[in-house]
Each structure stands twice: as structure tokens, then as C-alpha cells.
Protein backbone atom coordinates (compact mmCIF):
# COMPACT_ATOMS: atom_id res chain seq x y z
CA MET A 1 -77.02 62.48 4.03
CA VAL A 2 -78.02 63.01 0.40
CA ARG A 3 -79.62 66.34 1.28
CA ARG A 4 -76.42 67.53 2.97
CA VAL A 5 -74.30 66.58 -0.04
CA TRP A 6 -76.78 68.36 -2.32
CA ASN A 7 -76.65 71.48 -0.14
CA ASP A 8 -72.85 71.44 -0.17
CA PHE A 9 -72.80 71.03 -3.94
CA VAL A 10 -75.24 73.91 -4.47
CA THR A 11 -73.19 76.11 -2.12
CA LEU A 12 -70.02 75.34 -4.08
CA VAL A 13 -71.66 76.08 -7.43
CA VAL A 14 -73.14 79.37 -6.18
CA THR A 15 -69.76 80.38 -4.76
CA LEU A 16 -68.06 79.65 -8.08
CA ILE A 17 -70.68 81.59 -10.04
CA VAL A 18 -70.59 84.62 -7.74
CA GLY A 19 -66.78 84.59 -7.68
CA THR A 20 -66.51 84.30 -11.44
CA VAL A 21 -69.01 87.06 -12.16
CA GLY A 22 -67.47 89.27 -9.48
CA LEU A 23 -63.99 88.92 -10.98
CA MET A 24 -65.30 89.53 -14.47
CA VAL A 25 -66.91 92.78 -13.30
CA THR A 26 -64.17 94.07 -10.99
CA GLU A 27 -61.10 92.88 -12.90
CA HIS A 28 -62.50 92.80 -16.45
CA LEU A 29 -61.24 89.24 -16.90
CA SER A 30 -62.43 86.85 -19.57
CA LEU A 31 -64.77 84.06 -18.52
CA ALA A 32 -62.01 81.46 -18.67
CA ARG A 33 -59.56 83.49 -16.58
CA ALA A 34 -62.24 84.39 -14.05
CA ILE A 35 -63.22 80.74 -13.62
CA TYR A 36 -59.55 79.75 -13.34
CA LEU A 37 -58.84 82.38 -10.69
CA THR A 38 -62.02 81.57 -8.77
CA VAL A 39 -61.26 77.83 -8.64
CA GLN A 40 -57.67 78.62 -7.71
CA THR A 41 -58.84 80.82 -4.84
CA VAL A 42 -61.57 78.48 -3.56
CA THR A 43 -59.20 75.51 -3.52
CA THR A 44 -56.49 77.69 -1.89
CA ILE A 45 -53.89 76.60 -4.46
CA GLY A 46 -52.81 80.16 -5.26
CA PHE A 47 -50.25 79.70 -8.04
CA GLY A 48 -49.83 83.46 -8.29
CA ASP A 49 -49.79 83.54 -12.08
CA ILE A 50 -52.98 85.64 -12.17
CA GLU A 51 -53.55 88.19 -9.43
CA PRO A 52 -56.24 90.83 -8.93
CA GLN A 53 -54.92 94.22 -10.02
CA THR A 54 -57.51 96.54 -8.50
CA TYR A 55 -58.50 97.11 -4.90
CA ALA A 56 -62.05 96.06 -5.79
CA GLY A 57 -60.76 92.72 -7.07
CA ILE A 58 -58.46 92.22 -4.10
CA TYR A 59 -61.20 92.88 -1.56
CA PHE A 60 -63.83 90.98 -3.51
């Protein structure tokens, strides 16, 4: 059980890191905005206040 929770946590952290770095590279966002947009996307909240502007960011 503990191993599964650890694996899920690591997967979430890796997803957030990859998403944040990917948005910083493709959309040229600041670290704070990239983290905000990544968390917003992963949690499927989608406020719509920040949107990807390039095709690379949209498809990423």
C-alpha cells in the first residue's frame, strides 16, 4: 500500500515537472505561470484565464 502511494506521488511530481518545463519552453511562460497552468490542467479545473497561445503549447 505504501509503495503504491509512493509511486502515485512520484508520478504526479514528474508530471508536474515535465508539464511546467514544457510550458516554459513552448509558451515562454514564467515559472509561476507555468506551474499554475500545469496544476490547472492536471486537476482539470480549466479556469481559462491563461491559455496556450502556440500550437506547440496546445498540443503539448
